[in-house]
Amino acid sequence: MARKKDEKTNVMRILEQKKIPYIPHFYEEAGGPGGTRDYGVHVARALGQEPERAFKTLVCRGASGGYCVFDIPAPDSLDLKKAAKAAGEKSVELLAVKDITAVTGYVRGGCSPVGMKKPYPTIFHQTALDFATIYVSAGKIGAQVEVEPRALLDLLRAETADLVI
């Protein structure tokens, strides 16, 4: 089924409510994320984007029991030690796939830092601010939003840090 340009997600509604300009991007996905580490790169290329500007959202549980959200460039891997340090935790571990929806309200492959069930501490890889715009999930598989990173970080009260291996 082809995506419609006027199809809105909750992420888009939140951005509009907060008066944050964005550009929606839709893509056809065959098979979903499927466990591949390169899923974000695949999506970026399918949309003609630079993979370094496409940020994937990863949710971790800290040693304290709280959750933290990390957004890193699609081609990169999260360094758990750097992530823990940035979050002020002794350690962090990636959330199990079976827990993603319960914690965030999103499905794997469609997890956005915007509009999670609860506001969690959010940290973007420091390169987010190197670009005029970046891409994040629009909250469902097949949709992304392109947004100015400073506006997004301000909305989320997010910080930046070196998070990748």
Protein backbone atom coordinates (compact mmCIF):
# COMPACT_ATOMS: atom_id res chain seq x y z
CA MET A 1 0.00 0.00 0.00
CA ALA A 2 1.44 3.36 -1.01
CA ARG A 3 1.96 5.92 1.72
CA LYS A 4 0.00 9.14 1.44
CA LYS A 5 1.75 12.47 1.81
CA ASP A 6 -1.06 13.67 4.08
CA GLU A 7 -0.75 10.66 6.42
CA LYS A 8 0.02 11.98 9.91
CA THR A 9 1.65 10.18 12.81
CA ASN A 10 1.53 11.21 16.46
CA VAL A 11 5.13 12.42 16.10
CA MET A 12 4.06 14.78 13.32
CA ARG A 13 1.10 16.01 15.38
CA ILE A 14 3.38 16.73 18.35
CA LEU A 15 5.85 18.64 16.16
CA GLU A 16 2.99 20.69 14.70
CA GLN A 17 1.54 21.37 18.15
CA LYS A 18 4.95 22.63 19.32
CA LYS A 19 5.34 24.65 16.08
CA ILE A 20 8.48 22.78 15.05
CA PRO A 21 8.81 22.64 11.26
CA TYR A 22 9.42 19.21 9.75
CA ILE A 23 9.36 17.47 6.41
CA PRO A 24 7.67 14.05 6.35
CA HIS A 25 9.29 11.24 4.37
CA PHE A 26 7.55 7.96 3.58
CA TYR A 27 9.00 4.71 2.27
CA GLU A 28 7.72 1.28 1.43
CA GLU A 29 9.19 -1.33 3.72
CA ALA A 30 9.42 -4.95 2.74
CA GLY A 31 9.65 -7.09 5.84
CA GLY A 32 10.38 -4.51 8.56
CA PRO A 33 13.63 -4.24 10.52
CA GLY A 34 14.25 -7.98 10.58
CA GLY A 35 17.06 -7.77 13.11
CA THR A 36 19.63 -6.31 10.76
CA ARG A 37 22.03 -3.80 12.25
CA ASP A 38 22.00 -1.95 8.92
CA TYR A 39 18.24 -1.30 8.89
CA GLY A 40 18.67 2.46 9.43
CA VAL A 41 21.22 2.64 6.63
CA HIS A 42 18.81 0.73 4.37
CA VAL A 43 16.01 3.21 5.16
CA ALA A 44 18.27 6.24 4.63
CA ARG A 45 19.40 4.96 1.25
CA ALA A 46 15.83 4.07 0.23
CA LEU A 47 14.92 7.72 0.85
CA GLY A 48 18.06 9.10 -0.80
CA GLN A 49 19.38 10.40 2.53
CA GLU A 50 22.91 10.51 3.86
CA PRO A 51 23.00 7.67 6.44
CA GLU A 52 25.00 9.86 8.86
CA ARG A 53 22.01 12.26 9.06
CA ALA A 54 19.52 9.47 9.81
CA PHE A 55 19.40 8.86 13.55
CA LYS A 56 18.18 5.59 15.03
CA THR A 57 16.56 5.54 18.45
CA LEU A 58 17.80 3.00 20.97
CA VAL A 59 16.31 2.52 24.42
CA CYS A 60 18.36 1.23 27.33
CA ARG A 61 17.74 0.32 30.93
CA GLY A 62 20.25 1.72 33.36
CA ALA A 63 21.70 0.00 36.42
CA SER A 64 19.39 2.21 38.50
CA GLY A 65 16.36 0.62 36.78
CA GLY A 66 15.45 3.75 34.83
CA TYR A 67 15.26 4.04 31.05
CA CYS A 68 17.41 6.20 28.78
CA VAL A 69 16.99 7.01 25.10
CA PHE A 70 19.98 7.29 22.77
CA ASP A 71 19.85 8.55 19.19
CA ILE A 72 22.87 7.75 17.06
CA PRO A 73 23.69 7.87 13.34
CA ALA A 74 22.26 4.87 11.51
CA PRO A 75 25.63 3.43 10.40
CA ASP A 76 27.08 3.49 13.93
CA SER A 77 26.88 1.22 16.98
CA LEU A 78 26.12 2.38 20.51
CA ASP A 79 29.06 2.19 22.90
CA LEU A 80 27.38 1.05 26.12
CA LYS A 81 30.16 2.40 28.34
CA LYS A 82 30.01 5.86 26.75
CA ALA A 83 26.20 5.75 26.90
CA ALA A 84 26.23 4.86 30.60
CA LYS A 85 28.64 7.68 31.36
CA ALA A 86 26.55 10.19 29.38
CA ALA A 87 23.40 9.07 31.21
CA GLY A 88 25.04 9.16 34.65
CA GLU A 89 24.54 5.42 35.10
CA LYS A 90 26.98 2.77 36.30
CA SER A 91 25.97 0.69 33.26
CA VAL A 92 23.23 0.44 30.62
CA GLU A 93 21.90 -2.43 28.54
CA LEU A 94 19.75 -2.35 25.43
CA LEU A 95 16.08 -2.94 26.07
CA ALA A 96 14.90 -6.39 25.00
CA VAL A 97 12.86 -6.33 21.79
CA LYS A 98 9.86 -7.83 23.62
CA ASP A 99 9.82 -4.81 25.98
CA ILE A 100 10.09 -1.99 23.42
CA THR A 101 6.37 -1.46 22.87
CA ALA A 102 5.48 -1.64 26.57
CA VAL A 103 8.12 0.95 27.50
CA THR A 104 7.93 3.32 24.51
CA GLY A 105 4.57 2.78 22.85
CA TYR A 106 6.38 2.13 19.57
CA VAL A 107 7.31 -1.00 17.65
CA ARG A 108 10.85 -1.99 16.79
CA GLY A 109 11.88 -0.18 13.61
CA GLY A 110 9.40 2.62 14.27
CA CYS A 111 10.68 3.93 17.59
CA SER A 112 10.93 7.72 17.73
CA PRO A 113 12.45 9.89 20.47
CA VAL A 114 9.32 12.07 20.16
CA GLY A 115 6.08 11.03 21.84
CA MET A 116 7.12 8.02 23.90
CA LYS A 117 4.72 6.87 26.62
CA LYS A 118 6.80 8.78 29.17
CA PRO A 119 9.54 11.38 28.78
CA TYR A 120 12.85 9.59 29.30
CA PRO A 121 16.29 11.19 29.49
CA THR A 122 17.41 11.49 25.86
CA ILE A 123 20.92 11.88 24.50
CA PHE A 124 21.86 12.37 20.85
CA HIS A 125 25.25 11.60 19.41
CA GLN A 126 27.15 14.87 19.23
CA THR A 127 27.20 14.87 15.41
CA ALA A 128 23.46 15.66 15.35
CA LEU A 129 24.33 19.34 15.67
CA ASP A 130 26.71 19.18 12.69
CA PHE A 131 23.78 19.13 10.25
CA ALA A 132 21.14 21.68 9.24
CA THR A 133 18.55 18.89 9.45
CA ILE A 134 18.47 15.29 10.64
CA TYR A 135 16.02 12.43 10.19
CA VAL A 136 14.33 10.44 12.95
CA SER A 137 11.51 7.94 12.90
CA ALA A 138 8.04 9.45 12.66
CA GLY A 139 6.80 6.76 15.05
CA LYS A 140 5.94 3.96 12.64
CA ILE A 141 7.72 1.78 10.15
CA GLY A 142 7.57 3.51 6.77
CA ALA A 143 7.71 7.10 8.01
CA GLN A 144 10.42 9.54 9.03
CA VAL A 145 10.57 13.24 9.80
CA GLU A 146 13.33 15.63 8.79
CA VAL A 147 13.81 18.29 11.44
CA GLU A 148 16.29 20.92 12.60
CA PRO A 149 18.34 19.21 15.33
CA ARG A 150 18.47 22.11 17.81
CA ALA A 151 14.67 22.41 17.76
CA LEU A 152 14.32 18.66 18.30
CA LEU A 153 16.84 18.56 21.14
CA ASP A 154 15.15 21.54 22.81
CA LEU A 155 11.73 19.85 22.55
CA LEU A 156 13.09 16.66 24.13
CA ARG A 157 15.32 18.50 26.63
CA ALA A 158 18.00 16.26 25.16
CA GLU A 159 21.74 16.51 25.52
CA THR A 160 24.56 15.47 23.22
CA ALA A 161 27.57 13.29 23.87
CA ASP A 162 30.00 10.95 22.14
CA LEU A 163 27.97 7.72 22.14
CA VAL A 164 29.38 5.53 19.42
CA ILE A 165 32.11 2.91 19.12
